Amino acid sequence: MQPRFSTPARAAIHKRLAELTRIDSVSVPIEAGECLFFSRRRAEEQLAVICMRRGRDGDDEVLIDPRALSPDLKTSVNVLAVSNDGAMLAYGVRRGGEDELKFAC
């Protein structure tokens, strides 16, 4: 579909807006035991991964990477709940933009 209003600067504006909106994002962490659990998506990645960090200054460990579940990049994951001691994680899996969310532990 052709844009209704065209301007020579349109491509440059589109490119700049894409650059400005392509940023890293991190969900609000869930603290359980000595660990923090959260989702993280780097600017250059299309999908968020579920991570754990031991203590506030620890390194991020990727627990669930949706790219391993779906090479076509149509599967996403998100943290649903974490046990109080951090030993168990419940997460949701959504395939291809479906409304239905499948639960996993």
PDB file of N, CA and C in Angstrom:
ATOM      1  N   MET A   1       0.841  -1.171   0.000  1.00  0.00           N
ATOM      2  CA  MET A   1       0.000   0.000   0.000  1.00  0.00           C
ATOM      3  C   MET A   1       0.887   1.236   0.000  1.00  0.00           C
ATOM      4  N   GLN A   2       0.585   2.159  -0.818  1.00  0.00           N
ATOM      5  CA  GLN A   2       1.331   3.396  -0.970  1.00  0.00           C
ATOM      6  C   GLN A   2       0.900   4.381   0.125  1.00  0.00           C
ATOM      7  N   PRO A   3       1.872   5.073   0.792  1.00  0.00           N
ATOM      8  CA  PRO A   3       1.492   6.071   1.794  1.00  0.00           C
ATOM      9  C   PRO A   3       0.654   7.175   1.162  1.00  0.00           C
ATOM     10  N   ARG A   4      -0.297   7.668   1.918  1.00  0.00           N
ATOM     11  CA  ARG A   4      -1.191   8.702   1.402  1.00  0.00           C
ATOM     12  C   ARG A   4      -0.430  10.000   1.133  1.00  0.00           C
ATOM     13  N   PHE A   5       0.450  10.343   2.068  1.00  0.00           N
ATOM     14  CA  PHE A   5       1.259  11.545   1.900  1.00  0.00           C
ATOM     15  C   PHE A   5       2.705  11.126   1.754  1.00  0.00           C
ATOM     16  N   SER A   6       3.342  11.607   0.738  1.00  0.00           N
ATOM     17  CA  SER A   6       4.725  11.227   0.486  1.00  0.00           C
ATOM     18  C   SER A   6       5.621  12.449   0.609  1.00  0.00           C
ATOM     19  N   THR A   7       6.799  12.222   1.124  1.00  0.00           N
ATOM     20  CA  THR A   7       7.787  13.286   1.245  1.00  0.00           C
ATOM     21  C   THR A   7       9.160  12.660   1.021  1.00  0.00           C
ATOM     22  N   PRO A   8      10.077  13.385   0.430  1.00  0.00           N
ATOM     23  CA  PRO A   8      11.415  12.836   0.207  1.00  0.00           C
ATOM     24  C   PRO A   8      12.111  12.446   1.520  1.00  0.00           C
ATOM     25  N   ALA A   9      11.739  13.064   2.621  1.00  0.00           N
ATOM     26  CA  ALA A   9      12.376  12.774   3.904  1.00  0.00           C
ATOM     27  C   ALA A   9      11.787  11.558   4.603  1.00  0.00           C
ATOM     28  N   ARG A  10      10.733  10.964   4.045  1.00  0.00           N
ATOM     29  CA  ARG A  10      10.027   9.855   4.690  1.00  0.00           C
ATOM     30  C   ARG A  10      10.962   8.700   5.056  1.00  0.00           C
ATOM     31  N   ALA A  11      11.811   8.267   4.135  1.00  0.00           N
ATOM     32  CA  ALA A  11      12.719   7.145   4.399  1.00  0.00           C
ATOM     33  C   ALA A  11      13.693   7.487   5.521  1.00  0.00           C
ATOM     34  N   ALA A  12      14.204   8.702   5.529  1.00  0.00           N
ATOM     35  CA  ALA A  12      15.139   9.119   6.580  1.00  0.00           C
ATOM     36  C   ALA A  12      14.450   9.173   7.943  1.00  0.00           C
ATOM     37  N   ILE A  13      13.217   9.649   7.968  1.00  0.00           N
ATOM     38  CA  ILE A  13      12.456   9.704   9.226  1.00  0.00           C
ATOM     39  C   ILE A  13      12.189   8.289   9.718  1.00  0.00           C
ATOM     40  N   HIS A  14      11.778   7.411   8.837  1.00  0.00           N
ATOM     41  CA  HIS A  14      11.509   6.018   9.203  1.00  0.00           C
ATOM     42  C   HIS A  14      12.765   5.355   9.772  1.00  0.00           C
ATOM     43  N   LYS A  15      13.881   5.564   9.122  1.00  0.00           N
ATOM     44  CA  LYS A  15      15.149   4.979   9.574  1.00  0.00           C
ATOM     45  C   LYS A  15      15.520   5.500  10.959  1.00  0.00           C
ATOM     46  N   ARG A  16      15.390   6.803  11.177  1.00  0.00           N
ATOM     47  CA  ARG A  16      15.751   7.395  12.468  1.00  0.00           C
ATOM     48  C   ARG A  16      14.824   6.933  13.574  1.00  0.00           C
ATOM     49  N   LEU A  17      13.538   6.824  13.307  1.00  0.00           N
ATOM     50  CA  LEU A  17      12.598   6.325  14.313  1.00  0.00           C
ATOM     51  C   LEU A  17      12.916   4.879  14.687  1.00  0.00           C
ATOM     52  N   ALA A  18      13.281   4.071  13.711  1.00  0.00           N
ATOM     53  CA  ALA A  18      13.661   2.683  13.979  1.00  0.00           C
ATOM     54  C   ALA A  18      14.894   2.641  14.875  1.00  0.00           C
ATOM     55  N   GLU A  19      15.866   3.495  14.629  1.00  0.00           N
ATOM     56  CA  GLU A  19      17.067   3.550  15.465  1.00  0.00           C
ATOM     57  C   GLU A  19      16.731   3.949  16.897  1.00  0.00           C
ATOM     58  N   LEU A  20      15.847   4.927  17.062  1.00  0.00           N
ATOM     59  CA  LEU A  20      15.506   5.421  18.387  1.00  0.00           C
ATOM     60  C   LEU A  20      14.686   4.434  19.204  1.00  0.00           C
ATOM     61  N   THR A  21      13.903   3.597  18.550  1.00  0.00           N
ATOM     62  CA  THR A  21      13.054   2.648  19.274  1.00  0.00           C
ATOM     63  C   THR A  21      13.710   1.295  19.464  1.00  0.00           C
ATOM     64  N   ARG A  22      14.837   1.062  18.860  1.00  0.00           N
ATOM     65  CA  ARG A  22      15.547  -0.212  18.999  1.00  0.00           C
ATOM     66  C   ARG A  22      16.481  -0.105  20.201  1.00  0.00           C
ATOM     67  N   ILE A  23      15.969  -0.435  21.385  1.00  0.00           N
ATOM     68  CA  ILE A  23      16.728  -0.301  22.625  1.00  0.00           C
ATOM     69  C   ILE A  23      16.664  -1.601  23.427  1.00  0.00           C
ATOM     70  N   ASP A  24      17.598  -1.781  24.345  1.00  0.00           N
ATOM     71  CA  ASP A  24      17.546  -2.917  25.263  1.00  0.00           C
ATOM     72  C   ASP A  24      16.350  -2.746  26.191  1.00  0.00           C
ATOM     73  N   SER A  25      15.755  -3.852  26.610  1.00  0.00           N
ATOM     74  CA  SER A  25      14.670  -3.783  27.588  1.00  0.00           C
ATOM     75  C   SER A  25      14.811  -4.916  28.596  1.00  0.00           C
ATOM     76  N   VAL A  26      14.426  -4.623  29.830  1.00  0.00           N
ATOM     77  CA  VAL A  26      14.496  -5.585  30.923  1.00  0.00           C
ATOM     78  C   VAL A  26      13.206  -5.457  31.710  1.00  0.00           C
ATOM     79  N   SER A  27      12.603  -6.608  32.054  1.00  0.00           N
ATOM     80  CA  SER A  27      11.385  -6.570  32.855  1.00  0.00           C
ATOM     81  C   SER A  27      11.731  -6.277  34.316  1.00  0.00           C
ATOM     82  N   VAL A  28      10.722  -5.990  35.089  1.00  0.00           N
ATOM     83  CA  VAL A  28      10.906  -5.803  36.525  1.00  0.00           C
ATOM     84  C   VAL A  28      11.336  -7.152  37.107  1.00  0.00           C
ATOM     85  N   PRO A  29      12.441  -7.194  37.843  1.00  0.00           N
ATOM     86  CA  PRO A  29      12.910  -8.485  38.364  1.00  0.00           C
ATOM     87  C   PRO A  29      12.050  -9.005  39.507  1.00  0.00           C
ATOM     88  N   ILE A  30      12.012 -10.329  39.609  1.00  0.00           N
ATOM     89  CA  ILE A  30      11.360 -11.001  40.733  1.00  0.00           C
ATOM     90  C   ILE A  30      12.481 -11.526  41.618  1.00  0.00           C
ATOM     91  N   GLU A  31      12.495 -11.093  42.875  1.00  0.00           N
ATOM     92  CA  GLU A  31      13.532 -11.541  43.799  1.00  0.00           C
ATOM     93  C   GLU A  31      13.039 -12.781  44.524  1.00  0.00           C
ATOM     94  N   ALA A  32      13.853 -13.828  44.501  1.00  0.00           N
ATOM     95  CA  ALA A  32      13.500 -15.083  45.162  1.00  0.00           C
ATOM     96  C   ALA A  32      14.780 -15.694  45.723  1.00  0.00           C
ATOM     97  N   GLY A  33      14.803 -15.909  47.021  1.00  0.00           N
ATOM     98  CA  GLY A  33      16.029 -16.396  47.638  1.00  0.00           C
ATOM     99  C   GLY A  33      17.124 -15.365  47.426  1.00  0.00           C
ATOM    100  N   GLU A  34      18.260 -15.801  46.945  1.00  0.00           N
ATOM    101  CA  GLU A  34      19.386 -14.900  46.662  1.00  0.00           C
ATOM    102  C   GLU A  34      19.440 -14.493  45.189  1.00  0.00           C
ATOM    103  N   CYS A  35      18.395 -14.810  44.428  1.00  0.00           N
ATOM    104  CA  CYS A  35      18.429 -14.608  42.972  1.00  0.00           C
ATOM    105  C   CYS A  35      17.378 -13.612  42.498  1.00  0.00           C
ATOM    106  N   LEU A  36      17.650 -13.050  41.327  1.00  0.00           N
ATOM    107  CA  LEU A  36      16.709 -12.194  40.621  1.00  0.00           C
ATOM    108  C   LEU A  36      16.357 -12.878  39.306  1.00  0.00           C
ATOM    109  N   PHE A  37      15.080 -12.913  38.958  1.00  0.00           N
ATOM    110  CA  PHE A  37      14.602 -13.511  37.715  1.00  0.00           C
ATOM    111  C   PHE A  37      13.923 -12.429  36.891  1.00  0.00           C
ATOM    112  N   PHE A  38      14.202 -12.394  35.588  1.00  0.00           N
ATOM    113  CA  PHE A  38      13.664 -11.334  34.740  1.00  0.00           C
ATOM    114  C   PHE A  38      13.774 -11.723  33.267  1.00  0.00           C
ATOM    115  N   SER A  39      13.058 -10.975  32.421  1.00  0.00           N
ATOM    116  CA  SER A  39      13.175 -11.121  30.968  1.00  0.00           C
ATOM    117  C   SER A  39      14.071 -10.006  30.457  1.00  0.00           C
ATOM    118  N   ARG A  40      14.862 -10.330  29.431  1.00  0.00           N
ATOM    119  CA  ARG A  40      15.763  -9.330  28.851  1.00  0.00           C
ATOM    120  C   ARG A  40      15.776  -9.477  27.336  1.00  0.00           C
ATOM    121  N   ARG A  41      15.656  -8.336  26.660  1.00  0.00           N
ATOM    122  CA  ARG A  41      15.786  -8.324  25.190  1.00  0.00           C
ATOM    123  C   ARG A  41      16.788  -7.252  24.822  1.00  0.00           C
ATOM    124  N   ARG A  42      17.836  -7.669  24.140  1.00  0.00           N
ATOM    125  CA  ARG A  42      18.852  -6.723  23.664  1.00  0.00           C
ATOM    126  C   ARG A  42      18.320  -6.036  22.409  1.00  0.00           C
ATOM    127  N   ALA A  43      18.810  -4.856  22.121  1.00  0.00           N
ATOM    128  CA  ALA A  43      18.334  -4.058  20.986  1.00  0.00           C
ATOM    129  C   ALA A  43      18.439  -4.817  19.676  1.00  0.00           C
ATOM    130  N   GLU A  44      19.484  -5.604  19.504  1.00  0.00           N
ATOM    131  CA  GLU A  44      19.698  -6.319  18.243  1.00  0.00           C
ATOM    132  C   GLU A  44      18.943  -7.646  18.176  1.00  0.00           C
ATOM    133  N   GLU A  45      18.244  -8.023  19.242  1.00  0.00           N
ATOM    134  CA  GLU A  45      17.510  -9.287  19.275  1.00  0.00           C
ATOM    135  C   GLU A  45      16.023  -9.053  19.080  1.00  0.00           C
ATOM    136  N   GLN A  46      15.338 -10.032  18.492  1.00  0.00           N
ATOM    137  CA  GLN A  46      13.897  -9.924  18.271  1.00  0.00           C
ATOM    138  C   GLN A  46      13.082 -10.466  19.432  1.00  0.00           C
ATOM    139  N   LEU A  47      13.654 -11.383  20.203  1.00  0.00           N
ATOM    140  CA  LEU A  47      12.918 -12.042  21.275  1.00  0.00           C
ATOM    141  C   LEU A  47      13.614 -11.873  22.619  1.00  0.00           C
ATOM    142  N   ALA A  48      12.810 -11.807  23.670  1.00  0.00           N
ATOM    143  CA  ALA A  48      13.352 -11.729  25.028  1.00  0.00           C
ATOM    144  C   ALA A  48      13.701 -13.125  25.525  1.00  0.00           C
ATOM    145  N   VAL A  49      14.729 -13.202  26.359  1.00  0.00           N
ATOM    146  CA  VAL A  49      15.121 -14.441  27.024  1.00  0.00           C
ATOM    147  C   VAL A  49      14.817 -14.291  28.507  1.00  0.00           C
ATOM    148  N   ILE A  50      14.657 -15.411  29.211  1.00  0.00           N
ATOM    149  CA  ILE A  50      14.457 -15.384  30.655  1.00  0.00           C
ATOM    150  C   ILE A  50      15.815 -15.602  31.306  1.00  0.00           C
ATOM    151  N   CYS A  51      16.155 -14.688  32.222  1.00  0.00           N
ATOM    152  CA  CYS A  51      17.469 -14.729  32.867  1.00  0.00           C
ATOM    153  C   CYS A  51      17.338 -14.829  34.377  1.00  0.00           C
ATOM    154  N   MET A  52      18.455 -15.247  34.993  1.00  0.00           N
ATOM    155  CA  MET A  52      18.584 -15.262  36.440  1.00  0.00           C
ATOM    156  C   MET A  52      19.915 -14.618  36.779  1.00  0.00           C
ATOM    157  N   ARG A  53      19.931 -13.866  37.868  1.00  0.00           N
ATOM    158  CA  ARG A  53      21.170 -13.262  38.358  1.00  0.00           C
ATOM    159  C   ARG A  53      21.308 -13.618  39.828  1.00  0.00           C
ATOM    160  N   ARG A  54      22.447 -14.171  40.192  1.00  0.00           N
ATOM    161  CA  ARG A  54      22.713 -14.511  41.597  1.00  0.00           C
ATOM    162  C   ARG A  54      23.231 -13.260  42.308  1.00  0.00           C
ATOM    163  N   GLY A  55      22.404 -12.689  43.164  1.00  0.00           N
ATOM    164  CA  GLY A  55      22.761 -11.453  43.847  1.00  0.00           C
ATOM    165  C   GLY A  55      22.618 -10.264  42.906  1.00  0.00           C
ATOM    166  N   ARG A  56      22.680  -9.091  43.468  1.00  0.00           N
ATOM    167  CA  ARG A  56      22.487  -7.878  42.667  1.00  0.00           C
ATOM    168  C   ARG A  56      23.638  -7.601  41.711  1.00  0.00           C
ATOM    169  N   ASP A  57      24.837  -8.064  42.050  1.00  0.00           N
ATOM    170  CA  ASP A  57      26.008  -7.778  41.225  1.00  0.00           C
ATOM    171  C   ASP A  57      26.476  -8.974  40.404  1.00  0.00           C
ATOM    172  N   GLY A  58      25.716 -10.066  40.398  1.00  0.00           N
ATOM    173  CA  GLY A  58      26.117 -11.256  39.654  1.00  0.00           C
ATOM    174  C   GLY A  58      25.943 -11.094  38.154  1.00  0.00           C
ATOM    175  N   ASP A  59      26.421 -12.084  37.427  1.00  0.00           N
ATOM    176  CA  ASP A  59      26.258 -12.104  35.969  1.00  0.00           C
ATOM    177  C   ASP A  59      24.896 -12.674  35.603  1.00  0.00           C
ATOM    178  N   ASP A  60      24.338 -12.213  34.490  1.00  0.00           N
ATOM    179  CA  ASP A  60      23.071 -12.745  33.987  1.00  0.00           C
ATOM    180  C   ASP A  60      23.303 -14.133  33.401  1.00  0.00           C
ATOM    181  N   GLU A  61      22.462 -15.080  33.800  1.00  0.00           N
ATOM    182  CA  GLU A  61      22.487 -16.432  33.242  1.00  0.00           C
ATOM    183  C   GLU A  61      21.195 -16.636  32.470  1.00  0.00           C
ATOM    184  N   VAL A  62      21.286 -17.001  31.197  1.00  0.00           N
ATOM    185  CA  VAL A  62      20.086 -17.248  30.396  1.00  0.00           C
ATOM    186  C   VAL A  62      19.540 -18.616  30.776  1.00  0.00           C
ATOM    187  N   LEU A  63      18.280 -18.654  31.240  1.00  0.00           N
ATOM    188  CA  LEU A  63      17.631 -19.904  31.612  1.00  0.00           C
ATOM    189  C   LEU A  63      16.791 -20.464  30.470  1.00  0.00           C
ATOM    190  N   ILE A  64      16.000 -19.602  29.826  1.00  0.00           N
ATOM    191  CA  ILE A  64      15.115 -20.016  28.747  1.00  0.00           C
ATOM    192  C   ILE A  64      15.336 -19.089  27.559  1.00  0.00           C
ATOM    193  N   ASP A  65      15.725 -19.673  26.432  1.00  0.00           N
ATOM    194  CA  ASP A  65      15.934 -18.912  25.204  1.00  0.00           C
ATOM    195  C   ASP A  65      14.917 -19.397  24.173  1.00  0.00           C
ATOM    196  N   PRO A  66      13.954 -18.560  23.784  1.00  0.00           N
ATOM    197  CA  PRO A  66      12.906 -19.015  22.866  1.00  0.00           C
ATOM    198  C   PRO A  66      13.430 -19.388  21.479  1.00  0.00           C
ATOM    199  N   ARG A  67      14.620 -18.918  21.119  1.00  0.00           N
ATOM    200  CA  ARG A  67      15.177 -19.282  19.807  1.00  0.00           C
ATOM    201  C   ARG A  67      15.465 -20.774  19.736  1.00  0.00           C
ATOM    202  N   ALA A  68      15.737 -21.394  20.865  1.00  0.00           N
ATOM    203  CA  ALA A  68      15.948 -22.841  20.890  1.00  0.00           C
ATOM    204  C   ALA A  68      14.624 -23.588  20.714  1.00  0.00           C
ATOM    205  N   LEU A  69      13.520 -22.946  21.076  1.00  0.00           N
ATOM    206  CA  LEU A  69      12.196 -23.559  20.944  1.00  0.00           C
ATOM    207  C   LEU A  69      11.619 -23.375  19.547  1.00  0.00           C
ATOM    208  N   SER A  70      12.076 -22.339  18.846  1.00  0.00           N
ATOM    209  CA  SER A  70      11.482 -21.994  17.565  1.00  0.00           C
ATOM    210  C   SER A  70      12.485 -21.241  16.700  1.00  0.00           C
ATOM    211  N   PRO A  71      13.180 -21.943  15.804  1.00  0.00           N
ATOM    212  CA  PRO A  71      14.143 -21.266  14.934  1.00  0.00           C
ATOM    213  C   PRO A  71      13.515 -20.191  14.042  1.00  0.00           C
ATOM    214  N   ASP A  72      12.198 -20.247  13.813  1.00  0.00           N
ATOM    215  CA  ASP A  72      11.538 -19.250  12.967  1.00  0.00           C
ATOM    216  C   ASP A  72      11.210 -17.959  13.734  1.00  0.00           C
ATOM    217  N   LEU A  73      11.611 -17.894  15.007  1.00  0.00           N
ATOM    218  CA  LEU A  73      11.433 -16.705  15.854  1.00  0.00           C
ATOM    219  C   LEU A  73       9.972 -16.319  16.063  1.00  0.00           C
ATOM    220  N   LYS A  74       9.095 -17.312  16.116  1.00  0.00           N
ATOM    221  CA  LYS A  74       7.675 -17.037  16.327  1.00  0.00           C
ATOM    222  C   LYS A  74       7.187 -17.515  17.690  1.00  0.00           C
ATOM    223  N   THR A  75       8.116 -17.796  18.604  1.00  0.00           N
ATOM    224  CA  THR A  75       7.770 -18.242  19.940  1.00  0.00           C
ATOM    225  C   THR A  75       8.368 -17.282  20.951  1.00  0.00           C
ATOM    226  N   SER A  76       7.557 -16.860  21.923  1.00  0.00           N
ATOM    227  CA  SER A  76       8.058 -15.978  22.969  1.00  0.00           C
ATOM    228  C   SER A  76       7.844 -16.626  24.331  1.00  0.00           C
ATOM    229  N   VAL A  77       8.619 -16.181  25.317  1.00  0.00           N
ATOM    230  CA  VAL A  77       8.510 -16.706  26.680  1.00  0.00           C
ATOM    231  C   VAL A  77       8.457 -15.543  27.659  1.00  0.00           C
ATOM    232  N   ASN A  78       7.833 -15.775  28.815  1.00  0.00           N
ATOM    233  CA  ASN A  78       7.822 -14.764  29.866  1.00  0.00           C
ATOM    234  C   ASN A  78       7.704 -15.425  31.228  1.00  0.00           C
ATOM    235  N   VAL A  79       8.262 -14.768  32.241  1.00  0.00           N
ATOM    236  CA  VAL A  79       8.235 -15.272  33.614  1.00  0.00           C
ATOM    237  C   VAL A  79       6.825 -15.100  34.171  1.00  0.00           C
ATOM    238  N   LEU A  80       6.301 -16.177  34.766  1.00  0.00           N
ATOM    239  CA  LEU A  80       4.986 -16.109  35.403  1.00  0.00           C
ATOM    240  C   LEU A  80       5.097 -16.068  36.916  1.00  0.00           C
ATOM    241  N   ALA A  81       5.943 -16.936  37.479  1.00  0.00           N
ATOM    242  CA  ALA A  81       6.098 -16.997  38.932  1.00  0.00           C
ATOM    243  C   ALA A  81       7.401 -17.701  39.275  1.00  0.00           C
ATOM    244  N   VAL A  82       7.885 -17.427  40.480  1.00  0.00           N
ATOM    245  CA  VAL A  82       9.101 -18.061  40.988  1.00  0.00           C
ATOM    246  C   VAL A  82       8.817 -18.471  42.427  1.00  0.00           C
ATOM    247  N   SER A  83       9.266 -19.674  42.812  1.00  0.00           N
ATOM    248  CA  SER A  83       9.086 -20.108  44.199  1.00  0.00           C
ATOM    249  C   SER A  83       9.873 -19.186  45.122  1.00  0.00           C
ATOM    250  N   ASN A  84       9.464 -19.119  46.389  1.00  0.00           N
ATOM    251  CA  ASN A  84      10.094 -18.207  47.345  1.00  0.00           C
ATOM    252  C   ASN A  84      11.596 -18.406  47.469  1.00  0.00           C
ATOM    253  N   ASP A  85      12.050 -19.654  47.360  1.00  0.00           N
ATOM    254  CA  ASP A  85      13.483 -19.930  47.494  1.00  0.00           C
ATOM    255  C   ASP A  85      14.233 -19.836  46.162  1.00  0.00           C
ATOM    256  N   GLY A  86      13.514 -19.603  45.051  1.00  0.00           N
ATOM    257  CA  GLY A  86      14.138 -19.475  43.741  1.00  0.00           C
ATOM    258  C   GLY A  86      14.491 -20.800  43.084  1.00  0.00           C
ATOM    259  N   ALA A  87      14.033 -21.916  43.673  1.00  0.00           N
ATOM    260  CA  ALA A  87      14.370 -23.234  43.131  1.00  0.00           C
ATOM    261  C   ALA A  87      13.505 -23.607  41.932  1.00  0.00           C
ATOM    262  N   MET A  88      12.298 -23.011  41.830  1.00  0.00           N
ATOM    263  CA  MET A  88      11.400 -23.358  40.726  1.00  0.00           C
ATOM    264  C   MET A  88      10.907 -22.095  40.027  1.00  0.00           C
ATOM    265  N   LEU A  89      10.819 -22.213  38.702  1.00  0.00           N
ATOM    266  CA  LEU A  89      10.376 -21.100  37.861  1.00  0.00           C
ATOM    267  C   LEU A  89       9.214 -21.577  36.999  1.00  0.00           C
ATOM    268  N   ALA A  90       8.128 -20.826  36.986  1.00  0.00           N
ATOM    269  CA  ALA A  90       7.020 -21.095  36.066  1.00  0.00           C
ATOM    270  C   ALA A  90       7.076 -20.022  34.983  1.00  0.00           C
ATOM    271  N   TYR A  91       6.993 -20.453  33.732  1.00  0.00           N
ATOM    272  CA  TYR A  91       7.053 -19.497  32.636  1.00  0.00           C
ATOM    273  C   TYR A  91       6.023 -19.854  31.582  1.00  0.00           C
ATOM    274  N   GLY A  92       5.651 -18.864  30.786  1.00  0.00           N
ATOM    275  CA  GLY A  92       4.667 -19.053  29.732  1.00  0.00           C
ATOM    276  C   GLY A  92       5.348 -19.101  28.380  1.00  0.00           C
ATOM    277  N   VAL A  93       4.752 -19.902  27.482  1.00  0.00           N
ATOM    278  CA  VAL A  93       5.253 -20.014  26.107  1.00  0.00           C
ATOM    279  C   VAL A  93       4.110 -19.654  25.176  1.00  0.00           C
ATOM    280  N   ARG A  94       4.354 -18.710  24.294  1.00  0.00           N
ATOM    281  CA  ARG A  94       3.359 -18.275  23.321  1.00  0.00           C
ATOM    282  C   ARG A  94       3.924 -18.507  21.922  1.00  0.00           C
ATOM    283  N   ARG A  95       3.193 -19.243  21.106  1.00  0.00           N
ATOM    284  CA  ARG A  95       3.672 -19.584  19.757  1.00  0.00           C
ATOM    285  C   ARG A  95       2.929 -18.781  18.692  1.00  0.00           C
ATOM    286  N   GLY A  96       3.686 -18.157  17.822  1.00  0.00           N
ATOM    287  CA  GLY A  96       3.127 -17.490  16.649  1.00  0.00           C
ATOM    288  C   GLY A  96       2.099 -16.421  16.911  1.00  0.00           C
ATOM    289  N   GLY A  97       2.195 -15.718  18.022  1.00  0.00           N
ATOM    290  CA  GLY A  97       1.258 -14.642  18.307  1.00  0.00           C
ATOM    291  C   GLY A  97      -0.100 -15.122  18.796  1.00  0.00           C
ATOM    292  N   GLU A  98      -0.230 -16.403  19.131  1.00  0.00           N
ATOM    293  CA  GLU A  98      -1.501 -16.930  19.642  1.00  0.00           C
ATOM    294  C   GLU A  98      -1.886 -16.219  20.931  1.00  0.00           C
ATOM    295  N   ASP A  99      -3.182 -16.193  21.211  1.00  0.00           N
ATOM    296  CA  ASP A  99      -3.644 -15.659  22.486  1.00  0.00           C
ATOM    297  C   ASP A  99      -3.367 -16.639  23.612  1.00  0.00           C
ATOM    298  N   GLU A 100      -3.413 -17.927  23.288  1.00  0.00           N
ATOM    299  CA  GLU A 100      -3.228 -18.966  24.276  1.00  0.00           C
ATOM    300  C   GLU A 100      -1.779 -19.010  24.768  1.00  0.00           C
ATOM    301  N   LEU A 101      -1.624 -19.135  26.077  1.00  0.00           N
ATOM    302  CA  LEU A 101      -0.320 -19.202  26.705  1.00  0.00           C
ATOM    303  C   LEU A 101      -0.171 -20.574  27.343  1.00  0.00           C
ATOM    304  N   LYS A 102       0.876 -21.305  26.993  1.00  0.00           N
ATOM    305  CA  LYS A 102       1.117 -22.617  27.594  1.00  0.00           C
ATOM    306  C   LYS A 102       2.070 -22.427  28.754  1.00  0.00           C
ATOM    307  N   PHE A 103       1.813 -23.140  29.849  1.00  0.00           N
ATOM    308  CA  PHE A 103       2.614 -23.007  31.056  1.00  0.00           C
ATOM    309  C   PHE A 103       3.673 -24.092  31.112  1.00  0.00           C
ATOM    310  N   ALA A 104       4.832 -23.755  31.653  1.00  0.00           N
ATOM    311  CA  ALA A 104       5.912 -24.721  31.827  1.00  0.00           C
ATOM    312  C   ALA A 104       6.620 -24.403  33.139  1.00  0.00           C
ATOM    313  N   CYS A 105       7.282 -25.413  33.686  1.00  0.00           N
ATOM    314  CA  CYS A 105       8.071 -25.245  34.919  1.00  0.00           C
ATOM    315  C   CYS A 105       9.449 -25.813  34.706  1.00  0.00           C
TER     316      CYS A 105
END
